[in-house]
Amino acid sequence: MTSTVILAGCGNMGYAMLSGWLKSGRLAPGDAWVVEPNEALRQRAADLGSHAVAESAALPSGLSPTLVMFAVKPQVMREVVAGYKAFADGRTTFLSIAAGTPIATFEEILGAVPVIRCMPNTPAAIGKGMMVTVANRLVTEAARDFVGGLLSASGEVAAVDDEALMDAVTAVSGSGPAYVFHFIEALTAAGEKAGLPLDTARLLAMQTVHGAASLAAESRQEPGMLRQQVTSPNGTTAAALAVLMGDDRLKNLVVEAVEAARLRSIELGK
């Protein structure tokens, strides 16, 4: 049994997710319909083999999609969603990857329909993302499984039961890549200050973060145990960690940063 998916918006994130669906075989190109007003973005979606139209009104009248995914900016979400009322008959599940737009907004526009809200992050563009979902009570287990399968083409998938937790999700994994990028910048600058050429310092910083994250993900040991294994008593690592961990300096800073992001997410959702 085939499943038809409509993707409303095919910017960088939408395109990355569409590419993942098709390359992984989770969705056949002919079962994907992309609605994108920008001609260049619409063409690159068509180049993947999917159907592509400029507006929702151009979709075939007899289309009965399993899923409609909204990948547009929050500022235009209400206007875009209104164009899909024809599918609000309970048979179609609606998925949003827009930050800060609550499930209630979609229910207000579309009525009592199955809605899933997802917070992805930018590594989804290379299949290494973190996608966290929350669903309303009308979403069936079959729909959850179908959406989870599609999202898994872009990385890891997790779910929360309380939508209020999506602000914390946004603060940790949604904004989190920027924290890591900044750490790479900081480690690069530190290496350069210690005498390394800039290119060498940058390579060391990026590969060290990449390697350490990969080891943490693939190891069965807790990150704290991995840290201890690297840290010889009175060695170089211990000297550095005394600075980072003294008085919980780094931990407190990260907690403060995540809380600032969480509070801002709450403000944007009002």
C-alpha atoms as a PDB file:
ATOM      1  CA  MET A   1       0.000   0.000   0.000  1.00  0.00           C
ATOM      2  CA  THR A   2       1.439   3.361  -1.056  1.00  0.00           C
ATOM      3  CA  SER A   3       1.342   6.514   1.034  1.00  0.00           C
ATOM      4  CA  THR A   4       1.112   9.949  -0.506  1.00  0.00           C
ATOM      5  CA  VAL A   5       2.976  12.792   1.210  1.00  0.00           C
ATOM      6  CA  ILE A   6       2.569  16.495   0.537  1.00  0.00           C
ATOM      7  CA  LEU A   7       5.495  18.704   1.512  1.00  0.00           C
ATOM      8  CA  ALA A   8       4.479  22.337   1.892  1.00  0.00           C
ATOM      9  CA  GLY A   9       7.690  24.308   1.571  1.00  0.00           C
ATOM     10  CA  CYS A  10      10.963  23.035   0.166  1.00  0.00           C
ATOM     11  CA  GLY A  11      13.648  25.284   1.632  1.00  0.00           C
ATOM     12  CA  ASN A  12      16.873  23.856   3.032  1.00  0.00           C
ATOM     13  CA  MET A  13      15.315  21.728   5.780  1.00  0.00           C
ATOM     14  CA  GLY A  14      12.346  20.585   3.707  1.00  0.00           C
ATOM     15  CA  TYR A  15      14.593  19.664   0.802  1.00  0.00           C
ATOM     16  CA  ALA A  16      17.026  17.807   3.074  1.00  0.00           C
ATOM     17  CA  MET A  17      14.212  15.748   4.568  1.00  0.00           C
ATOM     18  CA  LEU A  18      12.632  15.050   1.168  1.00  0.00           C
ATOM     19  CA  SER A  19      16.014  13.904  -0.142  1.00  0.00           C
ATOM     20  CA  GLY A  20      16.388  11.582   2.822  1.00  0.00           C
ATOM     21  CA  TRP A  21      12.950  10.032   2.285  1.00  0.00           C
ATOM     22  CA  LEU A  22      13.627   9.325  -1.364  1.00  0.00           C
ATOM     23  CA  LYS A  23      17.243   8.171  -1.071  1.00  0.00           C
ATOM     24  CA  SER A  24      16.380   5.807   1.770  1.00  0.00           C
ATOM     25  CA  GLY A  25      13.478   4.319  -0.155  1.00  0.00           C
ATOM     26  CA  ARG A  26      11.031   5.215   2.605  1.00  0.00           C
ATOM     27  CA  LEU A  27       9.013   7.105   0.015  1.00  0.00           C
ATOM     28  CA  ALA A  28       8.782   6.637  -3.745  1.00  0.00           C
ATOM     29  CA  PRO A  29       9.347   9.819  -5.795  1.00  0.00           C
ATOM     30  CA  GLY A  30       5.916   9.480  -7.390  1.00  0.00           C
ATOM     31  CA  ASP A  31       4.256   9.495  -3.964  1.00  0.00           C
ATOM     32  CA  ALA A  32       5.753  12.871  -3.013  1.00  0.00           C
ATOM     33  CA  TRP A  33       4.041  16.148  -3.867  1.00  0.00           C
ATOM     34  CA  VAL A  34       5.926  19.379  -3.185  1.00  0.00           C
ATOM     35  CA  VAL A  35       4.188  22.737  -2.959  1.00  0.00           C
ATOM     36  CA  GLU A  36       6.762  25.499  -3.313  1.00  0.00           C
ATOM     37  CA  PRO A  37       6.149  28.987  -4.789  1.00  0.00           C
ATOM     38  CA  ASN A  38       9.843  29.657  -5.428  1.00  0.00           C
ATOM     39  CA  GLU A  39      10.653  28.399  -8.926  1.00  0.00           C
ATOM     40  CA  ALA A  40      14.274  27.426  -8.240  1.00  0.00           C
ATOM     41  CA  LEU A  41      13.362  25.517  -5.073  1.00  0.00           C
ATOM     42  CA  ARG A  42      10.437  23.890  -6.843  1.00  0.00           C
ATOM     43  CA  GLN A  43      12.680  22.764  -9.685  1.00  0.00           C
ATOM     44  CA  ARG A  44      15.228  21.099  -7.437  1.00  0.00           C
ATOM     45  CA  ALA A  45      12.396  19.145  -5.804  1.00  0.00           C
ATOM     46  CA  ALA A  46      11.209  18.090  -9.248  1.00  0.00           C
ATOM     47  CA  ASP A  47      14.753  17.046 -10.120  1.00  0.00           C
ATOM     48  CA  LEU A  48      14.510  14.430  -7.359  1.00  0.00           C
ATOM     49  CA  GLY A  49      11.568  12.889  -9.208  1.00  0.00           C
ATOM     50  CA  SER A  50       8.788  14.234  -7.004  1.00  0.00           C
ATOM     51  CA  HIS A  51       5.731  16.099  -8.267  1.00  0.00           C
ATOM     52  CA  ALA A  52       6.105  19.838  -7.741  1.00  0.00           C
ATOM     53  CA  VAL A  53       3.543  22.636  -7.958  1.00  0.00           C
ATOM     54  CA  ALA A  54       3.566  26.313  -7.080  1.00  0.00           C
ATOM     55  CA  GLU A  55       0.510  26.414  -4.805  1.00  0.00           C
ATOM     56  CA  SER A  56      -1.830  24.090  -2.953  1.00  0.00           C
ATOM     57  CA  ALA A  57      -4.680  24.948  -5.331  1.00  0.00           C
ATOM     58  CA  ALA A  58      -2.704  23.229  -8.108  1.00  0.00           C
ATOM     59  CA  LEU A  59      -2.773  19.836  -6.356  1.00  0.00           C
ATOM     60  CA  PRO A  60      -4.968  17.166  -8.040  1.00  0.00           C
ATOM     61  CA  SER A  61      -8.554  17.299  -6.836  1.00  0.00           C
ATOM     62  CA  GLY A  62      -8.707  13.597  -6.021  1.00  0.00           C
ATOM     63  CA  LEU A  63      -5.513  13.537  -3.950  1.00  0.00           C
ATOM     64  CA  SER A  64      -5.892  11.901  -0.530  1.00  0.00           C
ATOM     65  CA  PRO A  65      -2.551  12.269   1.267  1.00  0.00           C
ATOM     66  CA  THR A  66      -1.480  10.169   4.209  1.00  0.00           C
ATOM     67  CA  LEU A  67       0.588  13.099   5.455  1.00  0.00           C
ATOM     68  CA  VAL A  68       0.930  16.835   4.891  1.00  0.00           C
ATOM     69  CA  MET A  69       4.171  18.266   6.250  1.00  0.00           C
ATOM     70  CA  PHE A  70       4.595  22.001   6.772  1.00  0.00           C
ATOM     71  CA  ALA A  71       8.183  23.180   6.375  1.00  0.00           C
ATOM     72  CA  VAL A  72       7.613  26.923   6.183  1.00  0.00           C
ATOM     73  CA  LYS A  73       8.558  29.832   8.435  1.00  0.00           C
ATOM     74  CA  PRO A  74       6.320  30.444  11.471  1.00  0.00           C
ATOM     75  CA  GLN A  75       5.488  33.939  10.191  1.00  0.00           C
ATOM     76  CA  VAL A  76       3.567  32.540   7.204  1.00  0.00           C
ATOM     77  CA  MET A  77       2.304  29.338   8.811  1.00  0.00           C
ATOM     78  CA  ARG A  78      -1.315  30.424   9.313  1.00  0.00           C
ATOM     79  CA  GLU A  79      -1.673  31.552   5.721  1.00  0.00           C
ATOM     80  CA  VAL A  80      -0.096  28.376   4.355  1.00  0.00           C
ATOM     81  CA  VAL A  81      -2.040  25.953   6.577  1.00  0.00           C
ATOM     82  CA  ALA A  82      -5.351  27.488   5.509  1.00  0.00           C
ATOM     83  CA  GLY A  83      -4.690  26.244   1.993  1.00  0.00           C
ATOM     84  CA  TYR A  84      -4.915  22.610   3.136  1.00  0.00           C
ATOM     85  CA  LYS A  85      -8.386  22.598   4.709  1.00  0.00           C
ATOM     86  CA  ALA A  86      -9.551  20.302   1.914  1.00  0.00           C
ATOM     87  CA  PHE A  87      -7.570  17.500   3.571  1.00  0.00           C
ATOM     88  CA  ALA A  88      -8.937  18.112   7.070  1.00  0.00           C
ATOM     89  CA  ASP A  89     -11.291  15.144   6.976  1.00  0.00           C
ATOM     90  CA  GLY A  90      -9.522  13.087   9.623  1.00  0.00           C
ATOM     91  CA  ARG A  91      -7.803  10.762   7.152  1.00  0.00           C
ATOM     92  CA  THR A  92      -4.720  12.951   6.745  1.00  0.00           C
ATOM     93  CA  THR A  93      -2.115  13.550   9.460  1.00  0.00           C
ATOM     94  CA  PHE A  94      -0.507  16.997   9.583  1.00  0.00           C
ATOM     95  CA  LEU A  95       3.155  17.371  10.564  1.00  0.00           C
ATOM     96  CA  SER A  96       4.899  20.662  11.329  1.00  0.00           C
ATOM     97  CA  ILE A  97       8.634  21.272  11.719  1.00  0.00           C
ATOM     98  CA  ALA A  98       8.224  24.987  12.488  1.00  0.00           C
ATOM     99  CA  ALA A  99       9.659  26.198  15.779  1.00  0.00           C
ATOM    100  CA  GLY A 100       7.290  27.843  18.231  1.00  0.00           C
ATOM    101  CA  THR A 101       4.003  27.063  16.457  1.00  0.00           C
ATOM    102  CA  PRO A 102       1.845  25.023  18.874  1.00  0.00           C
ATOM    103  CA  ILE A 103      -0.475  22.179  17.933  1.00  0.00           C
ATOM    104  CA  ALA A 104      -3.423  24.381  18.964  1.00  0.00           C
ATOM    105  CA  THR A 105      -2.727  26.691  16.020  1.00  0.00           C
ATOM    106  CA  PHE A 106      -3.253  23.874  13.524  1.00  0.00           C
ATOM    107  CA  GLU A 107      -6.381  22.672  15.347  1.00  0.00           C
ATOM    108  CA  GLU A 108      -7.743  26.215  15.277  1.00  0.00           C
ATOM    109  CA  ILE A 109      -7.331  26.423  11.495  1.00  0.00           C
ATOM    110  CA  LEU A 110      -8.033  22.834  10.450  1.00  0.00           C
ATOM    111  CA  GLY A 111     -10.350  21.611  13.181  1.00  0.00           C
ATOM    112  CA  ALA A 112     -10.175  18.241  14.950  1.00  0.00           C
ATOM    113  CA  VAL A 113      -7.433  16.589  12.878  1.00  0.00           C
ATOM    114  CA  PRO A 114      -4.354  14.477  13.712  1.00  0.00           C
ATOM    115  CA  VAL A 115      -1.381  16.803  14.267  1.00  0.00           C
ATOM    116  CA  ILE A 116       2.261  16.039  15.015  1.00  0.00           C
ATOM    117  CA  ARG A 117       4.735  18.741  15.900  1.00  0.00           C
ATOM    118  CA  CYS A 118       8.430  18.062  15.296  1.00  0.00           C
ATOM    119  CA  MET A 119      11.592  19.905  16.279  1.00  0.00           C
ATOM    120  CA  PRO A 120      14.484  18.877  14.001  1.00  0.00           C
ATOM    121  CA  ASN A 121      17.972  20.345  13.985  1.00  0.00           C
ATOM    122  CA  THR A 122      20.336  21.279  11.166  1.00  0.00           C
ATOM    123  CA  PRO A 123      22.432  18.056  11.107  1.00  0.00           C
ATOM    124  CA  ALA A 124      19.284  16.482   9.623  1.00  0.00           C
ATOM    125  CA  ALA A 125      20.628  17.883   6.344  1.00  0.00           C
ATOM    126  CA  ILE A 126      23.293  15.137   6.364  1.00  0.00           C
ATOM    127  CA  GLY A 127      21.195  12.419   8.007  1.00  0.00           C
ATOM    128  CA  LYS A 128      22.671  13.069  11.465  1.00  0.00           C
ATOM    129  CA  GLY A 129      19.840  15.117  12.945  1.00  0.00           C
ATOM    130  CA  MET A 130      17.827  14.848  16.135  1.00  0.00           C
ATOM    131  CA  MET A 131      14.068  14.946  15.622  1.00  0.00           C
ATOM    132  CA  VAL A 132      11.712  15.156  18.594  1.00  0.00           C
ATOM    133  CA  THR A 133       7.953  14.840  18.157  1.00  0.00           C
ATOM    134  CA  VAL A 134       4.784  15.420  20.145  1.00  0.00           C
ATOM    135  CA  ALA A 135       1.328  14.436  18.891  1.00  0.00           C
ATOM    136  CA  ASN A 136      -2.267  15.268  19.697  1.00  0.00           C
ATOM    137  CA  ARG A 137      -4.712  12.560  20.785  1.00  0.00           C
ATOM    138  CA  LEU A 138      -6.078  12.018  17.268  1.00  0.00           C
ATOM    139  CA  VAL A 139      -2.822  10.657  15.850  1.00  0.00           C
ATOM    140  CA  THR A 140      -3.010   6.886  15.388  1.00  0.00           C
ATOM    141  CA  GLU A 141      -0.203   4.439  16.142  1.00  0.00           C
ATOM    142  CA  ALA A 142       0.020   3.705  12.420  1.00  0.00           C
ATOM    143  CA  ALA A 143       0.502   7.413  11.690  1.00  0.00           C
ATOM    144  CA  ARG A 144       3.131   7.701  14.450  1.00  0.00           C
ATOM    145  CA  ASP A 145       5.026   4.765  12.973  1.00  0.00           C
ATOM    146  CA  PHE A 146       4.809   6.145   9.434  1.00  0.00           C
ATOM    147  CA  VAL A 147       6.033   9.597  10.462  1.00  0.00           C
ATOM    148  CA  GLY A 148       8.749   8.095  12.654  1.00  0.00           C
ATOM    149  CA  GLY A 149       9.970   6.047   9.702  1.00  0.00           C
ATOM    150  CA  LEU A 150      10.170   9.100   7.471  1.00  0.00           C
ATOM    151  CA  LEU A 151      11.947  11.194  10.089  1.00  0.00           C
ATOM    152  CA  SER A 152      14.459   8.444  10.848  1.00  0.00           C
ATOM    153  CA  ALA A 153      15.896   8.964   7.354  1.00  0.00           C
ATOM    154  CA  SER A 154      17.272  12.252   8.720  1.00  0.00           C
ATOM    155  CA  GLY A 155      18.695  10.978  12.024  1.00  0.00           C
ATOM    156  CA  GLU A 156      17.524   9.901  15.454  1.00  0.00           C
ATOM    157  CA  VAL A 157      13.870  10.265  16.492  1.00  0.00           C
ATOM    158  CA  ALA A 158      12.437  10.658  19.989  1.00  0.00           C
ATOM    159  CA  ALA A 159       8.998  11.582  21.321  1.00  0.00           C
ATOM    160  CA  VAL A 160       7.653  13.513  24.299  1.00  0.00           C
ATOM    161  CA  ASP A 161       4.115  13.361  25.675  1.00  0.00           C
ATOM    162  CA  ASP A 162       3.893  16.931  26.991  1.00  0.00           C
ATOM    163  CA  GLU A 163       4.018  19.695  24.380  1.00  0.00           C
ATOM    164  CA  ALA A 164       5.351  22.122  26.987  1.00  0.00           C
ATOM    165  CA  LEU A 165       8.610  20.145  26.900  1.00  0.00           C
ATOM    166  CA  MET A 166       9.176  21.227  23.295  1.00  0.00           C
ATOM    167  CA  ASP A 167      10.641  24.497  24.581  1.00  0.00           C
ATOM    168  CA  ALA A 168      13.325  22.477  26.398  1.00  0.00           C
ATOM    169  CA  VAL A 169      13.809  20.342  23.293  1.00  0.00           C
ATOM    170  CA  THR A 170      14.320  23.486  21.259  1.00  0.00           C
ATOM    171  CA  ALA A 171      16.863  24.773  23.770  1.00  0.00           C
ATOM    172  CA  VAL A 172      18.866  21.537  23.900  1.00  0.00           C
ATOM    173  CA  SER A 173      18.809  19.941  20.448  1.00  0.00           C
ATOM    174  CA  GLY A 174      17.184  22.572  18.242  1.00  0.00           C
ATOM    175  CA  SER A 175      19.655  25.300  19.167  1.00  0.00           C
ATOM    176  CA  GLY A 176      22.314  22.853  20.363  1.00  0.00           C
ATOM    177  CA  PRO A 177      24.326  22.591  17.120  1.00  0.00           C
ATOM    178  CA  ALA A 178      25.139  26.302  17.429  1.00  0.00           C
ATOM    179  CA  TYR A 179      26.597  25.684  20.885  1.00  0.00           C
ATOM    180  CA  VAL A 180      28.835  22.955  19.477  1.00  0.00           C
ATOM    181  CA  PHE A 181      29.873  25.127  16.526  1.00  0.00           C
ATOM    182  CA  HIS A 182      30.859  27.855  18.950  1.00  0.00           C
ATOM    183  CA  PHE A 183      32.859  25.379  21.029  1.00  0.00           C
ATOM    184  CA  ILE A 184      34.739  24.434  17.854  1.00  0.00           C
ATOM    185  CA  GLU A 185      35.398  28.133  17.257  1.00  0.00           C
ATOM    186  CA  ALA A 186      36.641  28.543  20.834  1.00  0.00           C
ATOM    187  CA  LEU A 187      38.870  25.441  20.706  1.00  0.00           C
ATOM    188  CA  THR A 188      40.259  26.616  17.365  1.00  0.00           C
ATOM    189  CA  ALA A 189      41.075  30.034  18.807  1.00  0.00           C
ATOM    190  CA  ALA A 190      42.718  28.420  21.835  1.00  0.00           C
ATOM    191  CA  GLY A 191      44.858  26.212  19.601  1.00  0.00           C
ATOM    192  CA  GLU A 192      45.924  29.189  17.506  1.00  0.00           C
ATOM    193  CA  LYS A 193      46.816  31.149  20.631  1.00  0.00           C
ATOM    194  CA  ALA A 194      48.903  28.178  21.781  1.00  0.00           C
ATOM    195  CA  GLY A 195      50.980  28.514  18.586  1.00  0.00           C
ATOM    196  CA  LEU A 196      49.282  26.251  16.043  1.00  0.00           C
ATOM    197  CA  PRO A 197      48.659  27.489  12.490  1.00  0.00           C
ATOM    198  CA  LEU A 198      44.989  28.434  12.040  1.00  0.00           C
ATOM    199  CA  ASP A 199      44.223  25.648   9.546  1.00  0.00           C
ATOM    200  CA  THR A 200      45.792  23.051  11.811  1.00  0.00           C
ATOM    201  CA  ALA A 201      44.002  24.360  14.889  1.00  0.00           C
ATOM    202  CA  ARG A 202      40.673  24.293  13.053  1.00  0.00           C
ATOM    203  CA  LEU A 203      41.207  20.725  11.818  1.00  0.00           C
ATOM    204  CA  LEU A 204      42.210  19.530  15.283  1.00  0.00           C
ATOM    205  CA  ALA A 205      39.177  21.181  16.875  1.00  0.00           C
ATOM    206  CA  MET A 206      36.629  19.902  14.334  1.00  0.00           C
ATOM    207  CA  GLN A 207      37.935  16.349  14.157  1.00  0.00           C
ATOM    208  CA  THR A 208      38.285  16.099  17.933  1.00  0.00           C
ATOM    209  CA  VAL A 209      34.665  17.141  18.471  1.00  0.00           C
ATOM    210  CA  HIS A 210      33.480  14.855  15.673  1.00  0.00           C
ATOM    211  CA  GLY A 211      35.493  11.888  16.943  1.00  0.00           C
ATOM    212  CA  ALA A 212      34.525  12.366  20.573  1.00  0.00           C
ATOM    213  CA  ALA A 213      30.821  12.707  19.718  1.00  0.00           C
ATOM    214  CA  SER A 214      30.972   9.594  17.524  1.00  0.00           C
ATOM    215  CA  LEU A 215      32.702   7.619  20.274  1.00  0.00           C
ATOM    216  CA  ALA A 216      30.145   8.762  22.852  1.00  0.00           C
ATOM    217  CA  ALA A 217      27.288   7.766  20.531  1.00  0.00           C
ATOM    218  CA  GLU A 218      28.715   4.354  19.674  1.00  0.00           C
ATOM    219  CA  SER A 219      30.125   3.434  23.081  1.00  0.00           C
ATOM    220  CA  ARG A 220      28.034   1.643  25.674  1.00  0.00           C
ATOM    221  CA  GLN A 221      29.707   3.684  28.393  1.00  0.00           C
ATOM    222  CA  GLU A 222      28.432   6.904  29.903  1.00  0.00           C
ATOM    223  CA  PRO A 223      30.152  10.136  28.766  1.00  0.00           C
ATOM    224  CA  GLY A 224      31.388  10.670  32.323  1.00  0.00           C
ATOM    225  CA  MET A 225      33.180   7.309  32.242  1.00  0.00           C
ATOM    226  CA  LEU A 226      34.709   8.100  28.854  1.00  0.00           C
ATOM    227  CA  ARG A 227      35.954  11.396  30.280  1.00  0.00           C
ATOM    228  CA  GLN A 228      37.569   9.617  33.204  1.00  0.00           C
ATOM    229  CA  GLN A 229      39.332   7.192  30.869  1.00  0.00           C
ATOM    230  CA  VAL A 230      41.006  10.091  29.076  1.00  0.00           C
ATOM    231  CA  THR A 231      41.995  11.797  32.319  1.00  0.00           C
ATOM    232  CA  SER A 232      45.244  10.605  33.909  1.00  0.00           C
ATOM    233  CA  PRO A 233      45.848  11.780  37.501  1.00  0.00           C
ATOM    234  CA  ASN A 234      47.802  15.040  37.502  1.00  0.00           C
ATOM    235  CA  GLY A 235      48.040  14.895  33.705  1.00  0.00           C
ATOM    236  CA  THR A 236      47.336  17.466  31.009  1.00  0.00           C
ATOM    237  CA  THR A 237      43.650  16.618  30.689  1.00  0.00           C
ATOM    238  CA  ALA A 238      43.202  16.848  34.449  1.00  0.00           C
ATOM    239  CA  ALA A 239      44.772  20.309  34.402  1.00  0.00           C
ATOM    240  CA  ALA A 240      42.344  21.483  31.714  1.00  0.00           C
ATOM    241  CA  LEU A 241      39.304  19.911  33.383  1.00  0.00           C
ATOM    242  CA  ALA A 242      40.187  21.618  36.645  1.00  0.00           C
ATOM    243  CA  VAL A 243      39.498  24.879  34.822  1.00  0.00           C
ATOM    244  CA  LEU A 244      36.342  23.718  33.005  1.00  0.00           C
ATOM    245  CA  MET A 245      34.850  21.744  35.895  1.00  0.00           C
ATOM    246  CA  GLY A 246      36.004  23.814  38.855  1.00  0.00           C
ATOM    247  CA  ASP A 247      32.911  25.074  40.716  1.00  0.00           C
ATOM    248  CA  ASP A 248      30.884  23.422  37.917  1.00  0.00           C
ATOM    249  CA  ARG A 249      31.912  26.355  35.752  1.00  0.00           C
ATOM    250  CA  LEU A 250      31.126  24.894  32.324  1.00  0.00           C
ATOM    251  CA  LYS A 251      28.051  22.976  33.507  1.00  0.00           C
ATOM    252  CA  ASN A 252      26.532  26.081  35.066  1.00  0.00           C
ATOM    253  CA  LEU A 253      27.250  28.129  31.959  1.00  0.00           C
ATOM    254  CA  VAL A 254      25.551  25.567  29.711  1.00  0.00           C
ATOM    255  CA  VAL A 255      22.563  25.312  32.066  1.00  0.00           C
ATOM    256  CA  GLU A 256      22.237  29.101  31.980  1.00  0.00           C
ATOM    257  CA  ALA A 257      22.461  29.153  28.176  1.00  0.00           C
ATOM    258  CA  VAL A 258      19.851  26.417  27.713  1.00  0.00           C
ATOM    259  CA  GLU A 259      17.493  28.130  30.130  1.00  0.00           C
ATOM    260  CA  ALA A 260      17.848  31.397  28.200  1.00  0.00           C
ATOM    261  CA  ALA A 261      16.973  29.573  24.978  1.00  0.00           C
ATOM    262  CA  ARG A 262      14.023  27.786  26.623  1.00  0.00           C
ATOM    263  CA  LEU A 263      12.554  31.038  27.930  1.00  0.00           C
ATOM    264  CA  ARG A 264      12.966  32.679  24.521  1.00  0.00           C
ATOM    265  CA  SER A 265      11.198  29.713  22.908  1.00  0.00           C
ATOM    266  CA  ILE A 266       8.272  30.229  25.278  1.00  0.00           C
ATOM    267  CA  GLU A 267       8.133  33.931  24.340  1.00  0.00           C
ATOM    268  CA  LEU A 268       8.151  33.171  20.607  1.00  0.00           C
ATOM    269  CA  GLY A 269       5.336  30.677  21.010  1.00  0.00           C
ATOM    270  CA  LYS A 270       2.938  33.201  22.544  1.00  0.00           C
END
